[in-house]
Each structure stands twice: as C-alpha cells, then as structure tokens.
C-alpha cells in the first residue's frame, strides 16, 4: 500500500500518511485475543470460546512538506478518545477500511523531515470494503405462499420471485444491517445459504421501519427498542452473509403490499490482505 488515510469523524479532520514504510504490520493476519479470563471471586481462569479476535496495526511514514503544520494536524487527528477510520488500497486494488483506536504516536521533530510511527488496535479483526452495498427487495411470498415479483432496484447479481441473491465478495462473514419497512405483520428474513432465520414479531404501518444491526445486536423502530420482538434461529446467532452468494428470502405473514420492503446494507469483509 502507498497511502493510509486516517479519518477523525468527530473532528471532521483527516491526515494522509505517505511514504509508508516497507513493512506495515498487522494487515495480513489478525491478532489473537486472549480467551482465558480470571473472573473476580472465582478460583482459576475461565475459557471463553466466543471471544473474537482483534487486529494490532502499526506503520511508519515521513512528513516532508509543511512539516510544522502537518505534524500538528497528525497529532490532532490521532488524539486519544474516539475511534478513527483508516482507509487504504491494497496492491491488487481493493479499497478497504477499518475502525481503530490510536495507542501511540511517535513523532519526533526534525528540521528537514519528520519521520513518525503509529501503533493502533482495531477492535474488529475484519477489514471492510470502503463501498457500502445496499440491496432491496419486496416481499417474496404473501399470505401463505402466493408468489409475487420481487422488485430489486439495487444492482444484485441475480434474483427471482421467490428469493434474491446478495454477494459478499470478501473472505469472511459480513454482518449486515437489515431494515424492514411496513406495512405488514410478523416478518421472516432467511438466509437459505447459511440456514439462519430472523423472525420479527411485530405489526408495522406503512410509514414504520425496523432497523436490525447484526453487528451491534441492536433492533429499533424509530427510537423504540424492539429487541424483544426479534427471534433468531439458531438461537443466539445473528444472520450473516457468508463469502460468495447468499440467497435471501423475505416474507410477511399478513397485511403486506407493494410498499413492504427489506433493505440490506453491508460491506465486503476480509480477514486480511
């Protein structure tokens, strides 16, 4: 990679790291997270199999122009206290990003140039595409199985009156945001490819939408928490998009019409570059 852009959304500032050193670390393979914990009041350690990995990252660069101003900008963008987003392009043209926390910035002052080193940690080990993919479809079956055409205004590779296909071009599972728009009662979202299902046991009016974030485990209707109306199959497992094509079915038990819609937002997800 030639450049790494650090984006501080909280300050609406960014810094482009150029002249990246020969060996940026941590972009190829994620770090292992310690899954042995020592809970207070419990003798011995406990093995937790559900903890995910993270990603430790580091890279070097050199400031060669407007040294004083760019050193101040780099320190501002890297300030501790909030997640930053880094964006970069791989040697084979993948435009990727991930959220990070800057652990340390080494930026000694030099008169003619200013070398620096950045050490960071990404709480999610996945590297995501910079492009946010949006796919939409109307309900695929109504009132006990009467098929209707599934409108697909987003560019999706394939589709039919019974299902539509969402493609994750990455190498690891993608965690989508699912948005169900009414009207209708008791909705089903199913990934036929993985066998996972989400039942949304609610009645929605035509102007109501439920948003389900499978990464943060949050389900809302406007400002209302509707997590208790979401039933997952298998229990405890959120629907994800496996690498490659995923066949999705969206159904409503009753009360739906042409305005009833499922929208899926996701990013292609990679385990390394």
Protein backbone atom coordinates (compact mmCIF):
# COMPACT_ATOMS: atom_id res chain seq x y z
CA UNK A 1 0.00 0.00 0.00
CA UNK A 2 1.20 3.51 -0.79
CA UNK A 3 -1.00 5.66 1.46
CA UNK A 4 -3.08 5.26 4.63
CA UNK A 5 -5.70 7.92 5.34
CA UNK A 6 -6.66 8.47 8.99
CA UNK A 7 -10.15 9.97 9.36
CA UNK A 8 -11.25 11.56 12.64
CA UNK A 9 -15.01 11.88 12.12
CA UNK A 10 -15.52 13.54 15.49
CA UNK A 11 -13.32 16.48 14.43
CA UNK A 12 -14.07 16.22 10.71
CA UNK A 13 -10.33 16.09 10.05
CA UNK A 14 -8.11 13.63 8.20
CA UNK A 15 -4.42 13.01 7.59
CA UNK A 16 -2.91 11.14 4.63
CA UNK A 17 0.12 9.07 5.62
CA UNK A 18 2.51 8.90 2.68
CA UNK A 19 5.92 7.26 2.21
CA UNK A 20 4.68 4.24 4.16
CA UNK A 21 7.50 2.06 5.45
CA UNK A 22 8.34 -1.23 3.79
CA UNK A 23 6.63 -3.43 6.36
CA UNK A 24 3.35 -2.12 7.81
CA UNK A 25 2.31 -4.63 10.46
CA UNK A 26 -0.97 -6.40 11.16
CA UNK A 27 -2.74 -6.01 7.83
CA UNK A 28 -2.15 -9.61 6.72
CA UNK A 29 -3.46 -11.55 9.72
CA UNK A 30 -5.50 -10.53 12.78
CA UNK A 31 -4.19 -10.76 16.32
CA UNK A 32 -5.43 -13.43 18.70
CA UNK A 33 -7.49 -12.22 21.64
CA UNK A 34 -6.80 -13.87 24.96
CA UNK A 35 -9.75 -16.16 25.64
CA UNK A 36 -8.61 -17.10 29.14
CA UNK A 37 -10.07 -14.74 31.72
CA UNK A 38 -9.87 -14.68 35.51
CA UNK A 39 -13.28 -13.58 36.81
CA UNK A 40 -13.28 -11.84 40.22
CA UNK A 41 -14.21 -14.18 43.05
CA UNK A 42 -13.69 -17.30 41.01
CA UNK A 43 -10.66 -19.55 41.58
CA UNK A 44 -8.67 -20.19 38.42
CA UNK A 45 -9.16 -18.95 34.90
CA UNK A 46 -12.16 -19.49 32.65
CA UNK A 47 -12.04 -20.39 28.97
CA UNK A 48 -14.42 -18.32 26.83
CA UNK A 49 -14.81 -19.71 23.33
CA UNK A 50 -16.97 -16.91 21.94
CA UNK A 51 -14.48 -14.02 22.07
CA UNK A 52 -13.48 -12.69 18.65
CA UNK A 53 -10.04 -11.66 17.53
CA UNK A 54 -8.83 -8.10 17.11
CA UNK A 55 -6.16 -6.53 14.94
CA UNK A 56 -2.97 -4.80 16.10
CA UNK A 57 -1.67 -2.41 13.44
CA UNK A 58 1.42 -0.28 13.02
CA UNK A 59 3.05 1.67 10.21
CA UNK A 60 5.64 4.35 9.61
CA UNK A 61 5.72 7.44 7.44
CA UNK A 62 7.62 10.65 6.81
CA UNK A 63 6.37 14.23 6.72
CA UNK A 64 8.42 16.08 4.10
CA UNK A 65 6.40 19.24 3.36
CA UNK A 66 4.88 21.91 5.62
CA UNK A 67 6.45 20.00 8.48
CA UNK A 68 5.22 22.09 11.42
CA UNK A 69 1.63 22.33 10.17
CA UNK A 70 1.43 18.65 9.19
CA UNK A 71 2.90 17.49 12.50
CA UNK A 72 0.18 19.44 14.32
CA UNK A 73 -2.50 18.01 12.03
CA UNK A 74 -1.25 14.44 12.57
CA UNK A 75 -1.30 14.89 16.36
CA UNK A 76 -4.81 16.38 16.17
CA UNK A 77 -6.22 13.57 14.04
CA UNK A 78 -4.61 10.89 16.22
CA UNK A 79 -5.69 12.31 19.57
CA UNK A 80 -6.92 9.73 22.07
CA UNK A 81 -10.60 9.46 22.95
CA UNK A 82 -12.54 8.19 19.95
CA UNK A 83 -12.41 5.61 17.19
CA UNK A 84 -10.84 6.69 13.93
CA UNK A 85 -11.29 5.16 10.49
CA UNK A 86 -8.31 4.28 8.31
CA UNK A 87 -8.70 3.77 4.58
CA UNK A 88 -6.15 2.28 2.20
CA UNK A 89 -5.82 0.44 -1.09
CA UNK A 90 -4.11 -2.92 -1.46
CA UNK A 91 -1.59 -3.73 -4.17
CA UNK A 92 -4.32 -5.59 -6.09
CA UNK A 93 -6.72 -2.64 -5.99
CA UNK A 94 -9.02 -3.43 -3.04
CA UNK A 95 -10.24 -0.25 -1.33
CA UNK A 96 -10.55 -1.24 2.34
CA UNK A 97 -11.16 0.39 5.72
CA UNK A 98 -11.38 -0.41 9.42
CA UNK A 99 -12.05 1.46 12.66
CA UNK A 100 -9.11 1.84 15.03
CA UNK A 101 -8.00 3.41 18.28
CA UNK A 102 -4.56 5.03 18.20
CA UNK A 103 -2.49 3.54 21.02
CA UNK A 104 0.60 5.66 20.49
CA UNK A 105 2.13 8.13 18.06
CA UNK A 106 5.91 8.59 17.89
CA UNK A 107 6.56 11.81 16.02
CA UNK A 108 9.97 13.34 16.80
CA UNK A 109 10.67 16.79 15.44
CA UNK A 110 13.20 17.12 12.63
CA UNK A 111 14.12 20.25 10.74
CA UNK A 112 14.10 18.91 7.17
CA UNK A 113 11.73 15.97 7.57
CA UNK A 114 9.65 14.39 10.32
CA UNK A 115 9.51 10.56 10.50
CA UNK A 116 6.74 9.07 12.61
CA UNK A 117 5.40 5.70 13.74
CA UNK A 118 1.77 4.90 14.57
CA UNK A 119 0.60 1.99 16.72
CA UNK A 120 -3.12 1.19 16.76
CA UNK A 121 -5.65 -1.51 17.55
CA UNK A 122 -8.81 -2.40 15.62
CA UNK A 123 -11.45 -3.92 17.95
CA UNK A 124 -12.93 -5.82 14.98
CA UNK A 125 -10.45 -8.04 13.16
CA UNK A 126 -12.27 -7.67 9.80
CA UNK A 127 -11.15 -5.34 7.03
CA UNK A 128 -14.20 -3.93 5.23
CA UNK A 129 -14.77 -2.58 1.75
CA UNK A 130 -15.00 1.20 1.60
CA UNK A 131 -18.09 0.83 -0.57
CA UNK A 132 -21.32 0.33 1.37
CA UNK A 133 -23.52 -2.11 -0.57
CA UNK A 134 -27.30 -1.64 -0.48
CA UNK A 135 -29.74 -4.30 -1.69
CA UNK A 136 -33.54 -4.04 -1.60
CA UNK A 137 -36.43 -6.37 -2.33
CA UNK A 138 -40.17 -6.52 -1.86
CA UNK A 139 -41.67 -9.48 -0.05
CA UNK A 140 -41.10 -12.78 -1.80
CA UNK A 141 -44.23 -14.59 -0.59
CA UNK A 142 -47.55 -13.33 0.76
CA UNK A 143 -50.38 -14.89 2.78
CA UNK A 144 -49.26 -18.48 2.96
CA UNK A 145 -47.07 -18.66 -0.14
CA UNK A 146 -48.61 -16.74 -3.06
CA UNK A 147 -45.55 -15.64 -5.07
CA UNK A 148 -45.20 -12.07 -6.24
CA UNK A 149 -42.39 -10.45 -8.25
CA UNK A 150 -39.51 -9.36 -6.00
CA UNK A 151 -38.56 -5.82 -7.02
CA UNK A 152 -34.79 -5.37 -6.84
CA UNK A 153 -33.84 -1.75 -7.56
CA UNK A 154 -30.28 -2.25 -6.29
CA UNK A 155 -27.65 -3.94 -8.52
CA UNK A 156 -27.69 -7.53 -7.25
CA UNK A 157 -26.26 -10.50 -9.20
CA UNK A 158 -29.46 -12.49 -9.69
CA UNK A 159 -32.97 -12.64 -8.25
CA UNK A 160 -36.34 -14.33 -8.71
CA UNK A 161 -39.93 -14.18 -7.49
CA UNK A 162 -39.03 -16.49 -4.60
CA UNK A 163 -35.68 -15.13 -3.44
CA UNK A 164 -32.86 -12.73 -4.24
CA UNK A 165 -29.11 -13.09 -4.10
CA UNK A 166 -26.70 -10.92 -2.11
CA UNK A 167 -23.00 -11.32 -2.82
CA UNK A 168 -20.22 -10.91 -0.22
CA UNK A 169 -17.04 -10.69 -2.28
CA UNK A 170 -14.83 -10.94 0.81
CA UNK A 171 -13.21 -13.90 2.55
CA UNK A 172 -15.04 -13.85 5.92
CA UNK A 173 -18.65 -13.43 7.07
CA UNK A 174 -20.20 -9.98 6.66
CA UNK A 175 -22.51 -8.54 9.33
CA UNK A 176 -25.36 -6.67 7.64
CA UNK A 177 -27.83 -4.04 8.77
CA UNK A 178 -31.39 -5.17 7.99
CA UNK A 179 -34.22 -2.66 7.54
CA UNK A 180 -37.81 -3.91 7.35
CA UNK A 181 -40.39 -1.41 6.12
CA UNK A 182 -44.12 -1.90 6.61
CA UNK A 183 -46.94 -2.40 6.24
CA UNK A 184 -47.23 -5.97 7.42
CA UNK A 185 -47.34 -8.33 10.37
CA UNK A 186 -44.80 -10.94 11.51
CA UNK A 187 -41.87 -10.87 9.10
CA UNK A 188 -39.35 -13.55 8.22
CA UNK A 189 -35.82 -12.92 6.92
CA UNK A 190 -33.98 -16.10 5.98
CA UNK A 191 -30.53 -16.77 4.54
CA UNK A 192 -31.10 -20.01 2.65
CA UNK A 193 -27.35 -20.39 2.12
CA UNK A 194 -26.47 -20.48 5.83
CA UNK A 195 -29.81 -21.73 7.21
CA UNK A 196 -30.18 -18.73 9.53
CA UNK A 197 -33.51 -17.00 10.19
CA UNK A 198 -34.77 -13.86 11.86
CA UNK A 199 -38.44 -13.62 12.80
CA UNK A 200 -39.68 -10.10 13.53
CA UNK A 201 -42.89 -10.49 15.52
CA UNK A 202 -44.35 -7.02 15.04
CA UNK A 203 -47.06 -5.20 13.14
CA UNK A 204 -45.71 -2.28 11.11
CA UNK A 205 -47.67 0.51 9.46
CA UNK A 206 -46.74 1.78 6.00
CA UNK A 207 -44.58 4.57 7.43
CA UNK A 208 -42.75 2.41 10.01
CA UNK A 209 -39.34 0.76 9.68
CA UNK A 210 -37.42 -1.59 11.98
CA UNK A 211 -33.61 -1.49 11.78
CA UNK A 212 -31.68 -4.56 12.94
CA UNK A 213 -27.90 -4.15 13.28
CA UNK A 214 -26.43 -7.66 13.42
CA UNK A 215 -23.01 -6.34 14.47
CA UNK A 216 -24.15 -4.32 17.47
CA UNK A 217 -27.14 -6.56 18.35
CA UNK A 218 -29.49 -3.57 18.34
CA UNK A 219 -33.05 -3.58 16.94
CA UNK A 220 -35.04 -0.33 16.87
CA UNK A 221 -38.26 1.09 15.48
CA UNK A 222 -37.57 4.80 15.45
CA UNK A 223 -36.37 5.49 18.99
CA UNK A 224 -38.08 2.38 20.39
CA UNK A 225 -36.07 -0.70 21.37
CA UNK A 226 -37.75 -3.75 19.79
CA UNK A 227 -35.01 -6.30 20.54
CA UNK A 228 -37.57 -8.46 22.37
CA UNK A 229 -39.57 -8.88 19.15
CA UNK A 230 -36.63 -10.45 17.30
CA UNK A 231 -36.35 -14.26 17.33
CA UNK A 232 -33.16 -15.77 15.91
CA UNK A 233 -32.63 -19.27 14.53
CA UNK A 234 -30.31 -20.84 15.61
CA UNK A 235 -30.85 -19.21 18.99
CA UNK A 236 -28.21 -16.62 19.79
CA UNK A 237 -26.85 -16.50 16.23
CA UNK A 238 -27.30 -13.37 14.14
CA UNK A 239 -27.89 -13.72 10.42
CA UNK A 240 -24.68 -13.09 8.47
CA UNK A 241 -23.59 -13.11 4.82
CA UNK A 242 -21.13 -15.89 4.05
CA UNK A 243 -18.39 -15.30 1.44
CA UNK A 244 -19.91 -15.62 -2.03
CA UNK A 245 -23.58 -15.64 -2.98
CA UNK A 246 -26.26 -15.69 -0.27
CA UNK A 247 -29.86 -16.49 -1.17
CA UNK A 248 -32.22 -14.34 0.91
CA UNK A 249 -35.98 -14.83 1.40
CA UNK A 250 -38.18 -12.08 2.87
CA UNK A 251 -41.74 -12.95 3.88
CA UNK A 252 -44.65 -11.35 5.75
CA UNK A 253 -47.47 -13.30 7.38
CA UNK A 254 -50.19 -10.78 6.54
CA UNK A 255 -51.05 -7.17 5.83
CA UNK A 256 -48.28 -6.52 3.32
CA UNK A 257 -48.43 -4.72 -0.02
CA UNK A 258 -46.13 -3.43 -2.73
CA UNK A 259 -44.55 -0.93 -0.31
CA UNK A 260 -43.40 -3.65 2.10
CA UNK A 261 -39.65 -3.96 1.70
CA UNK A 262 -36.42 -5.40 3.07
CA UNK A 263 -33.22 -3.37 2.70
CA UNK A 264 -29.82 -4.93 3.41
CA UNK A 265 -26.71 -2.80 3.93
CA UNK A 266 -23.28 -4.46 4.20
CA UNK A 267 -19.62 -4.23 3.28
CA UNK A 268 -17.49 -6.95 1.72
CA UNK A 269 -15.47 -8.40 4.62
CA UNK A 270 -11.88 -9.70 4.57
CA UNK A 271 -9.71 -11.48 7.10
CA UNK A 272 -6.51 -9.93 5.76
CA UNK A 273 -4.83 -8.63 2.62
